[in-house]
Amino acid sequence: MDEAEKYAAMGCKYYKMKIHHPDPQVNRSRVAAVKKALGGGVRMMVDVNQRLDVLGNQRQAALLEDFDLVWYEEPVLADDNAACAEVAHSIRIPVATGENHYTRYEFRDLLERRAARYLMPDVCRAGGFSETLRIGQLAAAHQVALTPHLIHEISVHVVGALANGFLVEFVDWAPPDLFEELPQCQDGQFRIPERPGHGMALAKGAVRKYSAGG
């Protein structure tokens, strides 16, 4: 539980965990243990990482309904929008997906199928800021929230620019000597940088240290 407690100590009000065990009852017990460790005031999400078919997701989600999860992420293979929609229509936990989709046209299909209540485009995969903002605006027209996938350092700008921006997905994995003025999580929130562009600069010596073969 060390990782969960670390993020809770930062004031984070949401925590996501992967559920990968082949026994859905084991996944339920793990979610229960993490929820207990987090304590009150922290809501949870789960990530299936495309591991189940429609029936498997229906069985798994039914065992997790009482945890009041924010979302149930990537239930099926990312390129099977029809199956994702079937899951979304048949379980009681909102579905989130999108990190493996690339253009607003792919996201339009998800939205028209009502396959998710949360879209998670990855800014680096989905065409950068401009295309991700288009995806976000399209989602807003369908009453769907946007939570970009990872890379909180740049995703924070997208969430801040959209009325339907919901959360920034945060993993504390950037080396401390990679960037200057990396946005810090305080009381569960990030302040959008005021510097031009994405608001960051590589730290002195970072290119030499982290370049391949450097």
N, C-alpha and C. Protein backbone atom coordinates (compact mmCIF):
# COMPACT_ATOMS: atom_id res chain seq x y z
N MET A 1 0.81 -1.21 0.00
CA MET A 1 0.00 0.00 0.00
C MET A 1 0.85 1.27 0.00
N ASP A 2 2.15 1.15 -0.08
CA ASP A 2 3.01 2.33 0.02
C ASP A 2 2.70 3.36 -1.05
N GLU A 3 2.49 2.92 -2.30
CA GLU A 3 2.23 3.86 -3.39
C GLU A 3 0.92 4.60 -3.17
N ALA A 4 -0.13 3.86 -2.82
CA ALA A 4 -1.42 4.50 -2.56
C ALA A 4 -1.30 5.53 -1.45
N GLU A 5 -0.59 5.20 -0.41
CA GLU A 5 -0.44 6.13 0.71
C GLU A 5 0.38 7.35 0.31
N LYS A 6 1.36 7.15 -0.60
CA LYS A 6 2.17 8.28 -1.07
C LYS A 6 1.30 9.32 -1.78
N TYR A 7 0.44 8.85 -2.69
CA TYR A 7 -0.41 9.79 -3.43
C TYR A 7 -1.46 10.42 -2.52
N ALA A 8 -1.95 9.64 -1.57
CA ALA A 8 -2.91 10.21 -0.62
C ALA A 8 -2.25 11.32 0.19
N ALA A 9 -0.97 11.14 0.53
CA ALA A 9 -0.25 12.15 1.29
C ALA A 9 -0.08 13.44 0.51
N MET A 10 -0.10 13.37 -0.83
CA MET A 10 -0.02 14.57 -1.66
C MET A 10 -1.36 15.30 -1.73
N GLY A 11 -2.37 14.73 -1.13
CA GLY A 11 -3.69 15.34 -1.16
C GLY A 11 -4.54 14.89 -2.32
N CYS A 12 -4.08 13.87 -3.07
CA CYS A 12 -4.85 13.39 -4.22
C CYS A 12 -6.18 12.81 -3.74
N LYS A 13 -7.24 13.17 -4.43
CA LYS A 13 -8.58 12.73 -4.05
C LYS A 13 -9.07 11.56 -4.89
N TYR A 14 -8.24 11.12 -5.84
CA TYR A 14 -8.60 10.01 -6.71
C TYR A 14 -7.38 9.10 -6.85
N TYR A 15 -7.64 7.79 -6.97
CA TYR A 15 -6.54 6.84 -7.11
C TYR A 15 -6.99 5.71 -8.03
N LYS A 16 -6.13 5.37 -8.99
CA LYS A 16 -6.47 4.32 -9.95
C LYS A 16 -5.55 3.12 -9.76
N MET A 17 -6.13 1.93 -9.89
CA MET A 17 -5.34 0.71 -9.80
C MET A 17 -5.71 -0.23 -10.94
N LYS A 18 -4.78 -1.08 -11.32
CA LYS A 18 -5.01 -2.09 -12.35
C LYS A 18 -5.61 -3.34 -11.71
N ILE A 19 -6.48 -4.00 -12.45
CA ILE A 19 -7.05 -5.27 -11.99
C ILE A 19 -6.77 -6.32 -13.05
N HIS A 20 -5.76 -7.13 -12.81
CA HIS A 20 -5.25 -8.05 -13.83
C HIS A 20 -5.33 -9.52 -13.44
N HIS A 21 -5.79 -9.82 -12.24
CA HIS A 21 -5.84 -11.23 -11.84
C HIS A 21 -6.95 -11.96 -12.60
N PRO A 22 -6.71 -13.19 -13.04
CA PRO A 22 -7.75 -13.91 -13.79
C PRO A 22 -9.00 -14.23 -12.96
N ASP A 23 -8.88 -14.20 -11.64
CA ASP A 23 -10.04 -14.46 -10.78
C ASP A 23 -10.67 -13.12 -10.38
N PRO A 24 -11.89 -12.86 -10.83
CA PRO A 24 -12.52 -11.57 -10.51
C PRO A 24 -12.72 -11.35 -9.01
N GLN A 25 -12.85 -12.42 -8.25
CA GLN A 25 -12.99 -12.27 -6.81
C GLN A 25 -11.69 -11.77 -6.17
N VAL A 26 -10.56 -12.19 -6.71
CA VAL A 26 -9.28 -11.70 -6.22
C VAL A 26 -9.16 -10.21 -6.51
N ASN A 27 -9.57 -9.79 -7.69
CA ASN A 27 -9.54 -8.36 -8.01
C ASN A 27 -10.42 -7.57 -7.06
N ARG A 28 -11.57 -8.12 -6.74
CA ARG A 28 -12.45 -7.43 -5.78
C ARG A 28 -11.76 -7.27 -4.43
N SER A 29 -11.11 -8.32 -3.97
CA SER A 29 -10.47 -8.25 -2.65
C SER A 29 -9.32 -7.24 -2.67
N ARG A 30 -8.63 -7.14 -3.79
CA ARG A 30 -7.53 -6.18 -3.89
C ARG A 30 -8.06 -4.75 -3.89
N VAL A 31 -9.14 -4.52 -4.63
CA VAL A 31 -9.75 -3.18 -4.61
C VAL A 31 -10.19 -2.82 -3.20
N ALA A 32 -10.78 -3.76 -2.51
CA ALA A 32 -11.22 -3.51 -1.13
C ALA A 32 -10.05 -3.15 -0.23
N ALA A 33 -8.92 -3.85 -0.41
CA ALA A 33 -7.76 -3.58 0.44
C ALA A 33 -7.18 -2.20 0.16
N VAL A 34 -7.11 -1.81 -1.11
CA VAL A 34 -6.59 -0.48 -1.45
C VAL A 34 -7.53 0.60 -0.95
N LYS A 35 -8.82 0.40 -1.12
CA LYS A 35 -9.79 1.39 -0.64
C LYS A 35 -9.67 1.60 0.86
N LYS A 36 -9.47 0.53 1.59
CA LYS A 36 -9.30 0.62 3.04
C LYS A 36 -8.04 1.39 3.39
N ALA A 37 -6.95 1.13 2.66
CA ALA A 37 -5.69 1.82 2.92
C ALA A 37 -5.79 3.31 2.62
N LEU A 38 -6.55 3.67 1.60
CA LEU A 38 -6.69 5.08 1.23
C LEU A 38 -7.51 5.86 2.24
N GLY A 39 -8.46 5.20 2.86
CA GLY A 39 -9.31 5.88 3.83
C GLY A 39 -10.39 6.71 3.16
N GLY A 40 -11.10 7.45 3.97
CA GLY A 40 -12.19 8.27 3.45
C GLY A 40 -11.70 9.46 2.66
N GLY A 41 -12.55 9.95 1.77
CA GLY A 41 -12.22 11.15 1.01
C GLY A 41 -11.45 10.90 -0.27
N VAL A 42 -11.11 9.64 -0.58
CA VAL A 42 -10.41 9.31 -1.81
C VAL A 42 -11.27 8.34 -2.61
N ARG A 43 -11.59 8.72 -3.85
CA ARG A 43 -12.36 7.84 -4.71
C ARG A 43 -11.42 7.07 -5.64
N MET A 44 -11.90 5.94 -6.13
CA MET A 44 -11.05 5.04 -6.90
C MET A 44 -11.57 4.81 -8.31
N MET A 45 -10.62 4.45 -9.19
CA MET A 45 -10.93 3.94 -10.51
C MET A 45 -10.19 2.61 -10.68
N VAL A 46 -10.62 1.80 -11.63
CA VAL A 46 -9.88 0.58 -11.97
C VAL A 46 -9.60 0.57 -13.46
N ASP A 47 -8.49 -0.09 -13.82
CA ASP A 47 -8.04 -0.18 -15.22
C ASP A 47 -7.90 -1.65 -15.58
N VAL A 48 -8.68 -2.08 -16.57
CA VAL A 48 -8.65 -3.47 -17.02
C VAL A 48 -7.55 -3.70 -18.05
N ASN A 49 -7.10 -2.62 -18.71
CA ASN A 49 -6.03 -2.71 -19.71
C ASN A 49 -6.34 -3.70 -20.83
N GLN A 50 -7.59 -3.68 -21.30
CA GLN A 50 -8.01 -4.43 -22.49
C GLN A 50 -7.95 -5.95 -22.31
N ARG A 51 -7.99 -6.45 -21.10
CA ARG A 51 -7.71 -7.86 -20.85
C ARG A 51 -8.93 -8.79 -20.93
N LEU A 52 -10.14 -8.24 -20.95
CA LEU A 52 -11.32 -9.10 -20.86
C LEU A 52 -12.22 -8.97 -22.08
N ASP A 53 -13.07 -9.99 -22.27
CA ASP A 53 -14.11 -9.88 -23.28
C ASP A 53 -15.36 -9.27 -22.64
N VAL A 54 -16.42 -9.16 -23.40
CA VAL A 54 -17.63 -8.50 -22.89
C VAL A 54 -18.17 -9.22 -21.66
N LEU A 55 -18.33 -10.54 -21.73
CA LEU A 55 -18.88 -11.29 -20.61
C LEU A 55 -17.97 -11.19 -19.39
N GLY A 56 -16.65 -11.28 -19.60
CA GLY A 56 -15.72 -11.16 -18.48
C GLY A 56 -15.83 -9.82 -17.79
N ASN A 57 -16.01 -8.76 -18.56
CA ASN A 57 -16.17 -7.44 -17.97
C ASN A 57 -17.48 -7.31 -17.22
N GLN A 58 -18.53 -7.89 -17.75
CA GLN A 58 -19.81 -7.83 -17.05
C GLN A 58 -19.73 -8.52 -15.69
N ARG A 59 -19.05 -9.66 -15.66
CA ARG A 59 -18.91 -10.37 -14.39
C ARG A 59 -18.02 -9.60 -13.42
N GLN A 60 -16.91 -9.05 -13.94
CA GLN A 60 -16.01 -8.32 -13.06
C GLN A 60 -16.64 -7.04 -12.53
N ALA A 61 -17.27 -6.29 -13.39
CA ALA A 61 -17.87 -5.02 -12.96
C ALA A 61 -18.96 -5.23 -11.93
N ALA A 62 -19.72 -6.32 -12.08
CA ALA A 62 -20.79 -6.59 -11.12
C ALA A 62 -20.25 -6.78 -9.71
N LEU A 63 -19.02 -7.29 -9.60
CA LEU A 63 -18.42 -7.50 -8.29
C LEU A 63 -17.82 -6.22 -7.69
N LEU A 64 -17.76 -5.16 -8.49
CA LEU A 64 -17.13 -3.92 -8.04
C LEU A 64 -18.11 -2.77 -7.87
N GLU A 65 -19.37 -3.01 -8.16
CA GLU A 65 -20.36 -1.93 -8.16
C GLU A 65 -20.45 -1.21 -6.82
N ASP A 66 -20.32 -1.94 -5.72
CA ASP A 66 -20.56 -1.33 -4.41
C ASP A 66 -19.41 -0.45 -3.94
N PHE A 67 -18.31 -0.37 -4.71
CA PHE A 67 -17.20 0.50 -4.32
C PHE A 67 -17.37 1.93 -4.84
N ASP A 68 -18.44 2.22 -5.55
CA ASP A 68 -18.70 3.57 -6.07
C ASP A 68 -17.49 4.08 -6.86
N LEU A 69 -17.02 3.28 -7.79
CA LEU A 69 -15.85 3.64 -8.60
C LEU A 69 -16.18 4.78 -9.56
N VAL A 70 -15.20 5.66 -9.76
CA VAL A 70 -15.39 6.77 -10.70
C VAL A 70 -15.51 6.23 -12.12
N TRP A 71 -14.60 5.31 -12.48
CA TRP A 71 -14.70 4.72 -13.81
C TRP A 71 -14.07 3.33 -13.86
N TYR A 72 -14.35 2.67 -14.99
CA TYR A 72 -13.88 1.32 -15.30
C TYR A 72 -13.19 1.44 -16.66
N GLU A 73 -11.87 1.32 -16.68
CA GLU A 73 -11.08 1.78 -17.83
C GLU A 73 -10.67 0.66 -18.79
N GLU A 74 -10.70 0.97 -20.06
CA GLU A 74 -10.28 0.10 -21.17
C GLU A 74 -10.70 -1.36 -20.95
N PRO A 75 -11.99 -1.61 -20.98
CA PRO A 75 -12.47 -2.96 -20.68
C PRO A 75 -12.11 -4.00 -21.74
N VAL A 76 -12.07 -3.58 -23.01
CA VAL A 76 -11.84 -4.54 -24.10
C VAL A 76 -10.72 -4.03 -25.00
N LEU A 77 -10.39 -4.79 -26.04
CA LEU A 77 -9.38 -4.33 -26.99
C LEU A 77 -9.73 -2.95 -27.51
N ALA A 78 -8.73 -2.09 -27.59
CA ALA A 78 -8.98 -0.68 -27.89
C ALA A 78 -9.59 -0.46 -29.26
N ASP A 79 -9.36 -1.37 -30.20
CA ASP A 79 -9.90 -1.16 -31.54
C ASP A 79 -11.28 -1.79 -31.73
N ASP A 80 -11.87 -2.28 -30.65
CA ASP A 80 -13.20 -2.88 -30.74
C ASP A 80 -14.21 -1.95 -30.07
N ASN A 81 -14.57 -0.90 -30.78
CA ASN A 81 -15.49 0.09 -30.21
C ASN A 81 -16.88 -0.49 -29.96
N ALA A 82 -17.28 -1.44 -30.79
CA ALA A 82 -18.60 -2.04 -30.61
C ALA A 82 -18.66 -2.81 -29.28
N ALA A 83 -17.61 -3.56 -28.97
CA ALA A 83 -17.58 -4.30 -27.71
C ALA A 83 -17.50 -3.36 -26.52
N CYS A 84 -16.74 -2.27 -26.68
CA CYS A 84 -16.65 -1.28 -25.60
C CYS A 84 -18.03 -0.69 -25.32
N ALA A 85 -18.76 -0.40 -26.38
CA ALA A 85 -20.11 0.14 -26.21
C ALA A 85 -21.03 -0.87 -25.53
N GLU A 86 -20.89 -2.14 -25.89
CA GLU A 86 -21.73 -3.17 -25.26
C GLU A 86 -21.45 -3.25 -23.76
N VAL A 87 -20.17 -3.17 -23.40
CA VAL A 87 -19.83 -3.16 -21.97
C VAL A 87 -20.42 -1.92 -21.29
N ALA A 88 -20.21 -0.77 -21.90
CA ALA A 88 -20.68 0.48 -21.30
C ALA A 88 -22.18 0.47 -21.07
N HIS A 89 -22.92 -0.15 -21.98
CA HIS A 89 -24.38 -0.17 -21.87
C HIS A 89 -24.88 -1.22 -20.88
N SER A 90 -24.00 -2.15 -20.48
CA SER A 90 -24.48 -3.27 -19.68
C SER A 90 -23.92 -3.33 -18.26
N ILE A 91 -23.01 -2.40 -17.91
CA ILE A 91 -22.51 -2.37 -16.53
C ILE A 91 -22.93 -1.05 -15.88
N ARG A 92 -22.81 -0.98 -14.58
CA ARG A 92 -23.30 0.19 -13.84
C ARG A 92 -22.18 1.14 -13.44
N ILE A 93 -20.95 0.84 -13.83
CA ILE A 93 -19.81 1.72 -13.57
C ILE A 93 -19.50 2.46 -14.86
N PRO A 94 -19.30 3.77 -14.84
CA PRO A 94 -18.98 4.50 -16.07
C PRO A 94 -17.68 3.98 -16.69
N VAL A 95 -17.67 3.88 -18.00
CA VAL A 95 -16.49 3.40 -18.73
C VAL A 95 -15.62 4.58 -19.16
N ALA A 96 -14.31 4.38 -19.07
CA ALA A 96 -13.32 5.34 -19.57
C ALA A 96 -12.44 4.63 -20.59
N THR A 97 -12.10 5.33 -21.67
CA THR A 97 -11.20 4.76 -22.67
C THR A 97 -10.66 5.86 -23.55
N GLY A 98 -9.66 5.52 -24.38
CA GLY A 98 -9.17 6.50 -25.35
C GLY A 98 -7.67 6.64 -25.45
N GLU A 99 -6.90 6.08 -24.53
CA GLU A 99 -5.45 6.30 -24.58
C GLU A 99 -4.82 5.68 -25.81
N ASN A 100 -5.50 4.70 -26.42
CA ASN A 100 -4.97 4.06 -27.63
C ASN A 100 -5.77 4.43 -28.87
N HIS A 101 -6.45 5.56 -28.82
CA HIS A 101 -7.12 6.13 -29.99
C HIS A 101 -6.37 7.40 -30.41
N TYR A 102 -6.47 7.75 -31.68
CA TYR A 102 -5.52 8.72 -32.21
C TYR A 102 -6.11 9.98 -32.83
N THR A 103 -7.28 9.95 -33.37
CA THR A 103 -7.82 11.14 -34.02
C THR A 103 -9.24 11.41 -33.53
N ARG A 104 -9.73 12.60 -33.82
CA ARG A 104 -11.09 12.93 -33.41
C ARG A 104 -12.12 12.05 -34.12
N TYR A 105 -11.74 11.47 -35.25
CA TYR A 105 -12.67 10.61 -35.97
C TYR A 105 -12.87 9.29 -35.22
N GLU A 106 -11.81 8.75 -34.64
CA GLU A 106 -11.94 7.56 -33.81
C GLU A 106 -12.76 7.87 -32.56
N PHE A 107 -12.52 9.03 -31.96
CA PHE A 107 -13.26 9.41 -30.76
C PHE A 107 -14.73 9.71 -31.09
N ARG A 108 -14.96 10.22 -32.29
CA ARG A 108 -16.35 10.46 -32.70
C ARG A 108 -17.13 9.16 -32.71
N ASP A 109 -16.50 8.10 -33.19
CA ASP A 109 -17.18 6.80 -33.21
C ASP A 109 -17.49 6.32 -31.80
N LEU A 110 -16.55 6.48 -30.88
CA LEU A 110 -16.81 6.13 -29.48
C LEU A 110 -17.99 6.91 -28.93
N LEU A 111 -18.01 8.20 -29.22
CA LEU A 111 -19.07 9.06 -28.69
C LEU A 111 -20.42 8.71 -29.29
N GLU A 112 -20.46 8.47 -30.59
CA GLU A 112 -21.73 8.15 -31.23
C GLU A 112 -22.29 6.80 -30.76
N ARG A 113 -21.39 5.91 -30.38
CA ARG A 113 -21.81 4.62 -29.84
C ARG A 113 -22.14 4.69 -28.35
N ARG A 114 -21.88 5.84 -27.72
CA ARG A 114 -22.01 6.01 -26.27
C ARG A 114 -21.20 4.94 -25.54
N ALA A 115 -19.96 4.77 -25.99
CA ALA A 115 -19.09 3.72 -25.49
C ALA A 115 -18.30 4.13 -24.26
N ALA A 116 -18.37 5.40 -23.84
CA ALA A 116 -17.60 5.85 -22.67
C ALA A 116 -18.21 7.12 -22.12
N ARG A 117 -18.05 7.30 -20.79
CA ARG A 117 -18.44 8.55 -20.14
C ARG A 117 -17.24 9.44 -19.87
N TYR A 118 -16.06 8.86 -19.99
CA TYR A 118 -14.81 9.61 -19.85
C TYR A 118 -13.90 9.25 -21.00
N LEU A 119 -13.38 10.25 -21.70
CA LEU A 119 -12.42 10.02 -22.77
C LEU A 119 -11.03 10.37 -22.28
N MET A 120 -10.05 9.55 -22.71
CA MET A 120 -8.68 9.70 -22.20
C MET A 120 -7.66 9.77 -23.35
N PRO A 121 -7.76 10.78 -24.23
CA PRO A 121 -6.75 10.88 -25.28
C PRO A 121 -5.37 11.17 -24.70
N ASP A 122 -4.36 10.61 -25.32
CA ASP A 122 -2.97 10.88 -24.94
C ASP A 122 -2.48 12.01 -25.84
N VAL A 123 -2.09 13.13 -25.26
CA VAL A 123 -1.71 14.30 -26.04
C VAL A 123 -0.60 13.97 -27.03
N CYS A 124 0.32 13.10 -26.64
CA CYS A 124 1.45 12.76 -27.52
C CYS A 124 1.06 11.79 -28.62
N ARG A 125 -0.02 11.07 -28.47
CA ARG A 125 -0.46 10.13 -29.49
C ARG A 125 -1.57 10.71 -30.36
N ALA A 126 -2.35 11.60 -29.81
CA ALA A 126 -3.58 12.04 -30.47
C ALA A 126 -3.40 13.36 -31.23
N GLY A 127 -2.19 13.62 -31.71
CA GLY A 127 -2.01 14.79 -32.58
C GLY A 127 -1.66 16.07 -31.87
N GLY A 128 -1.22 15.98 -30.62
CA GLY A 128 -0.78 17.19 -29.92
C GLY A 128 -1.93 17.98 -29.33
N PHE A 129 -1.60 19.23 -28.94
CA PHE A 129 -2.60 20.07 -28.27
C PHE A 129 -3.82 20.35 -29.15
N SER A 130 -3.59 20.69 -30.41
CA SER A 130 -4.70 21.12 -31.27
C SER A 130 -5.73 20.01 -31.46
N GLU A 131 -5.26 18.81 -31.81
CA GLU A 131 -6.20 17.71 -32.03
C GLU A 131 -6.85 17.27 -30.73
N THR A 132 -6.09 17.27 -29.63
CA THR A 132 -6.66 16.86 -28.35
C THR A 132 -7.74 17.84 -27.91
N LEU A 133 -7.55 19.12 -28.17
CA LEU A 133 -8.58 20.10 -27.85
C LEU A 133 -9.83 19.88 -28.70
N ARG A 134 -9.64 19.52 -29.97
CA ARG A 134 -10.80 19.21 -30.82
C ARG A 134 -11.56 18.01 -30.26
N ILE A 135 -10.82 16.99 -29.82
CA ILE A 135 -11.44 15.82 -29.22
C ILE A 135 -12.22 16.22 -27.97
N GLY A 136 -11.62 17.08 -27.15
CA GLY A 136 -12.28 17.55 -25.95
C GLY A 136 -13.55 18.32 -26.23
N GLN A 137 -13.52 19.15 -27.26
CA GLN A 137 -14.71 19.93 -27.61
C GLN A 137 -15.81 19.02 -28.17
N LEU A 138 -15.41 18.02 -28.93
CA LEU A 138 -16.38 17.05 -29.44
C LEU A 138 -17.00 16.28 -28.28
N ALA A 139 -16.18 15.91 -27.31
CA ALA A 139 -16.70 15.21 -26.14
C ALA A 139 -17.69 16.08 -25.38
N ALA A 140 -17.39 17.37 -25.26
CA ALA A 140 -18.28 18.29 -24.55
C ALA A 140 -19.66 18.33 -25.20
N ALA A 141 -19.69 18.25 -26.52
CA ALA A 141 -20.97 18.28 -27.23
C ALA A 141 -21.81 17.03 -26.94
N HIS A 142 -21.16 15.99 -26.42
CA HIS A 142 -21.86 14.75 -26.07
C HIS A 142 -21.97 14.56 -24.55
N GLN A 143 -21.70 15.63 -23.79
CA GLN A 143 -21.78 15.56 -22.32
C GLN A 143 -20.84 14.51 -21.75
N VAL A 144 -19.65 14.40 -22.32
CA VAL A 144 -18.63 13.45 -21.87
C VAL A 144 -17.42 14.22 -21.36
N ALA A 145 -16.87 13.78 -20.25
CA ALA A 145 -15.73 14.46 -19.64
C ALA A 145 -14.42 13.99 -20.27
N LEU A 146 -13.40 14.84 -20.16
CA LEU A 146 -12.08 14.54 -20.71
C LEU A 146 -11.05 14.47 -19.59
N THR A 147 -10.30 13.36 -19.59
CA THR A 147 -9.20 13.17 -18.66
C THR A 147 -8.02 12.62 -19.45
N PRO A 148 -7.12 13.46 -19.93
CA PRO A 148 -6.02 12.98 -20.79
C PRO A 148 -5.18 11.90 -20.11
N HIS A 149 -4.63 11.05 -20.94
CA HIS A 149 -3.82 9.92 -20.47
C HIS A 149 -2.41 10.40 -20.13
N LEU A 150 -2.04 10.27 -18.87
CA LEU A 150 -0.67 10.51 -18.40
C LEU A 150 -0.12 11.88 -18.82
N ILE A 151 1.20 12.00 -18.71
CA ILE A 151 1.97 13.20 -19.08
C ILE A 151 1.31 14.45 -18.52
N HIS A 152 1.13 14.45 -17.20
CA HIS A 152 0.40 15.54 -16.56
C HIS A 152 1.05 16.89 -16.83
N GLU A 153 2.36 16.88 -17.11
CA GLU A 153 3.08 18.13 -17.33
C GLU A 153 2.50 18.93 -18.49
N ILE A 154 1.98 18.24 -19.50
CA ILE A 154 1.36 18.94 -20.63
C ILE A 154 -0.16 18.77 -20.65
N SER A 155 -0.65 17.68 -20.09
CA SER A 155 -2.10 17.45 -20.07
C SER A 155 -2.83 18.49 -19.23
N VAL A 156 -2.14 19.06 -18.25
CA VAL A 156 -2.78 20.05 -17.39
C VAL A 156 -3.29 21.25 -18.19
N HIS A 157 -2.60 21.58 -19.29
CA HIS A 157 -3.04 22.70 -20.13
C HIS A 157 -4.35 22.37 -20.83
N VAL A 158 -4.50 21.12 -21.29
CA VAL A 158 -5.71 20.71 -21.97
C VAL A 158 -6.90 20.74 -21.02
N VAL A 159 -6.73 20.15 -19.85
CA VAL A 159 -7.82 20.12 -18.87
C VAL A 159 -8.22 21.54 -18.46
N GLY A 160 -7.23 22.41 -18.30
CA GLY A 160 -7.52 23.78 -17.91
C GLY A 160 -8.23 24.59 -18.98
N ALA A 161 -8.09 24.17 -20.25
CA ALA A 161 -8.67 24.93 -21.36
C ALA A 161 -10.08 24.49 -21.71
N LEU A 162 -10.55 23.39 -21.13
CA LEU A 162 -11.83 22.82 -21.52
C LEU A 162 -12.83 22.84 -20.37
N ALA A 163 -14.05 23.21 -20.66
CA ALA A 163 -15.09 23.22 -19.64
C ALA A 163 -15.39 21.81 -19.14
N ASN A 164 -15.17 20.81 -19.98
CA ASN A 164 -15.43 19.43 -19.58
C ASN A 164 -14.15 18.71 -19.17
N GLY A 165 -13.06 19.44 -18.95
CA GLY A 165 -11.85 18.83 -18.42
C GLY A 165 -12.09 18.37 -16.99
N PHE A 166 -11.76 17.12 -16.71
CA PHE A 166 -12.09 16.56 -15.40
C PHE A 166 -10.85 16.38 -14.52
N LEU A 167 -9.99 15.44 -14.85
CA LEU A 167 -8.82 15.15 -14.04
C LEU A 167 -7.56 15.11 -14.89
N VAL A 168 -6.42 15.31 -14.25
CA VAL A 168 -5.12 15.08 -14.86
C VAL A 168 -4.58 13.78 -14.28
N GLU A 169 -4.23 12.85 -15.13
CA GLU A 169 -3.68 11.58 -14.67
C GLU A 169 -2.21 11.77 -14.30
N PHE A 170 -1.88 11.47 -13.06
CA PHE A 170 -0.55 11.78 -12.52
C PHE A 170 0.17 10.53 -12.06
N VAL A 171 1.34 10.30 -12.65
CA VAL A 171 2.26 9.28 -12.17
C VAL A 171 3.59 9.97 -11.90
N ASP A 172 4.08 9.83 -10.71
CA ASP A 172 5.28 10.55 -10.27
C ASP A 172 6.53 9.78 -10.71
N TRP A 173 6.84 9.85 -12.02
CA TRP A 173 7.96 9.05 -12.52
C TRP A 173 9.03 9.85 -13.25
N ALA A 174 8.88 11.16 -13.39
CA ALA A 174 9.91 11.97 -14.05
C ALA A 174 11.10 12.16 -13.12
N PRO A 175 12.32 11.90 -13.59
CA PRO A 175 13.51 12.14 -12.75
C PRO A 175 13.56 13.60 -12.31
N PRO A 176 13.97 13.89 -11.09
CA PRO A 176 13.97 15.26 -10.59
C PRO A 176 14.91 16.20 -11.33
N ASP A 177 15.88 15.64 -12.08
CA ASP A 177 16.82 16.49 -12.80
C ASP A 177 16.54 16.54 -14.30
N LEU A 178 15.31 16.19 -14.71
CA LEU A 178 14.97 16.20 -16.14
C LEU A 178 14.45 17.55 -16.59
N PHE A 179 13.54 18.15 -15.83
CA PHE A 179 12.93 19.42 -16.21
C PHE A 179 13.20 20.49 -15.17
N GLU A 180 13.13 21.73 -15.61
CA GLU A 180 13.10 22.86 -14.69
C GLU A 180 11.65 23.20 -14.38
N GLU A 181 11.38 23.50 -13.14
CA GLU A 181 10.05 23.95 -12.71
C GLU A 181 8.95 22.97 -13.11
N LEU A 182 9.17 21.69 -12.85
CA LEU A 182 8.14 20.69 -13.11
C LEU A 182 6.94 20.98 -12.21
N PRO A 183 5.72 20.98 -12.76
CA PRO A 183 4.55 21.25 -11.92
C PRO A 183 4.48 20.27 -10.75
N GLN A 184 4.21 20.78 -9.59
CA GLN A 184 4.15 19.97 -8.39
C GLN A 184 2.70 19.79 -7.93
N CYS A 185 2.42 18.60 -7.40
CA CYS A 185 1.09 18.32 -6.87
C CYS A 185 1.03 18.80 -5.42
N GLN A 186 0.14 19.73 -5.15
CA GLN A 186 -0.05 20.24 -3.80
C GLN A 186 -1.53 20.24 -3.46
N ASP A 187 -1.86 19.58 -2.36
CA ASP A 187 -3.26 19.46 -1.94
C ASP A 187 -4.13 18.87 -3.05
N GLY A 188 -3.53 17.94 -3.82
CA GLY A 188 -4.28 17.25 -4.85
C GLY A 188 -4.50 18.04 -6.12
N GLN A 189 -3.80 19.16 -6.28
CA GLN A 189 -4.01 20.01 -7.45
C GLN A 189 -2.67 20.43 -8.06
N PHE A 190 -2.72 20.70 -9.40
CA PHE A 190 -1.58 21.26 -10.10
C PHE A 190 -1.90 22.69 -10.53
N ARG A 191 -0.94 23.56 -10.38
CA ARG A 191 -1.08 24.92 -10.90
C ARG A 191 -0.58 24.94 -12.33
N ILE A 192 -1.39 25.48 -13.25
CA ILE A 192 -0.97 25.55 -14.65
C ILE A 192 0.19 26.54 -14.78
N PRO A 193 1.32 26.12 -15.37
CA PRO A 193 2.48 27.02 -15.48
C PRO A 193 2.15 28.29 -16.26
N GLU A 194 2.79 29.37 -15.89
CA GLU A 194 2.57 30.65 -16.56
C GLU A 194 3.63 30.93 -17.62
N ARG A 195 4.62 30.04 -17.74
CA ARG A 195 5.65 30.23 -18.75
C ARG A 195 5.06 29.96 -20.14
N PRO A 196 5.69 30.50 -21.22
CA PRO A 196 5.17 30.29 -22.58
C PRO A 196 5.17 28.81 -22.96
N GLY A 197 4.34 28.48 -23.95
CA GLY A 197 4.29 27.12 -24.45
C GLY A 197 3.76 26.16 -23.41
N HIS A 198 4.41 25.00 -23.30
CA HIS A 198 3.94 24.02 -22.32
C HIS A 198 4.46 24.32 -20.92
N GLY A 199 5.27 25.36 -20.77
CA GLY A 199 5.64 25.81 -19.44
C GLY A 199 6.82 25.11 -18.82
N MET A 200 7.54 24.29 -19.60
CA MET A 200 8.68 23.56 -19.04
C MET A 200 9.91 23.76 -19.90
N ALA A 201 11.04 23.51 -19.31
CA ALA A 201 12.31 23.51 -20.03
C ALA A 201 13.17 22.39 -19.48
N LEU A 202 13.96 21.77 -20.35
CA LEU A 202 14.86 20.73 -19.88
C LEU A 202 15.91 21.32 -18.96
N ALA A 203 16.22 20.60 -17.92
CA ALA A 203 17.24 21.07 -16.98
C ALA A 203 18.62 21.00 -17.61
N LYS A 204 19.53 21.78 -17.08
CA LYS A 204 20.90 21.79 -17.58
C LYS A 204 21.51 20.40 -17.45
N GLY A 205 22.05 19.92 -18.53
CA GLY A 205 22.69 18.61 -18.53
C GLY A 205 21.75 17.45 -18.80
N ALA A 206 20.43 17.69 -18.90
CA ALA A 206 19.47 16.61 -19.05
C ALA A 206 19.60 15.92 -20.41
N VAL A 207 19.83 16.72 -21.48
CA VAL A 207 19.96 16.12 -22.80
C VAL A 207 21.14 15.18 -22.84
N ARG A 208 22.25 15.62 -22.31
CA ARG A 208 23.44 14.77 -22.32
C ARG A 208 23.23 13.51 -21.47
N LYS A 209 22.60 13.66 -20.31
CA LYS A 209 22.42 12.54 -19.41
C LYS A 209 21.43 11.51 -19.93
N TYR A 210 20.34 11.98 -20.54
CA TYR A 210 19.26 11.06 -20.88
C TYR A 210 19.18 10.72 -22.35
N SER A 211 20.06 11.27 -23.20
CA SER A 211 20.08 10.90 -24.60
C SER A 211 20.54 9.45 -24.74
N ALA A 212 19.98 8.77 -25.74
CA ALA A 212 20.38 7.38 -25.97
C ALA A 212 21.89 7.31 -26.25
N GLY A 213 22.57 6.48 -25.51
CA GLY A 213 24.00 6.34 -25.69
C GLY A 213 24.80 7.40 -24.99
N GLY A 214 24.09 8.35 -24.28
CA GLY A 214 24.78 9.44 -23.60
C GLY A 214 25.38 9.01 -22.28
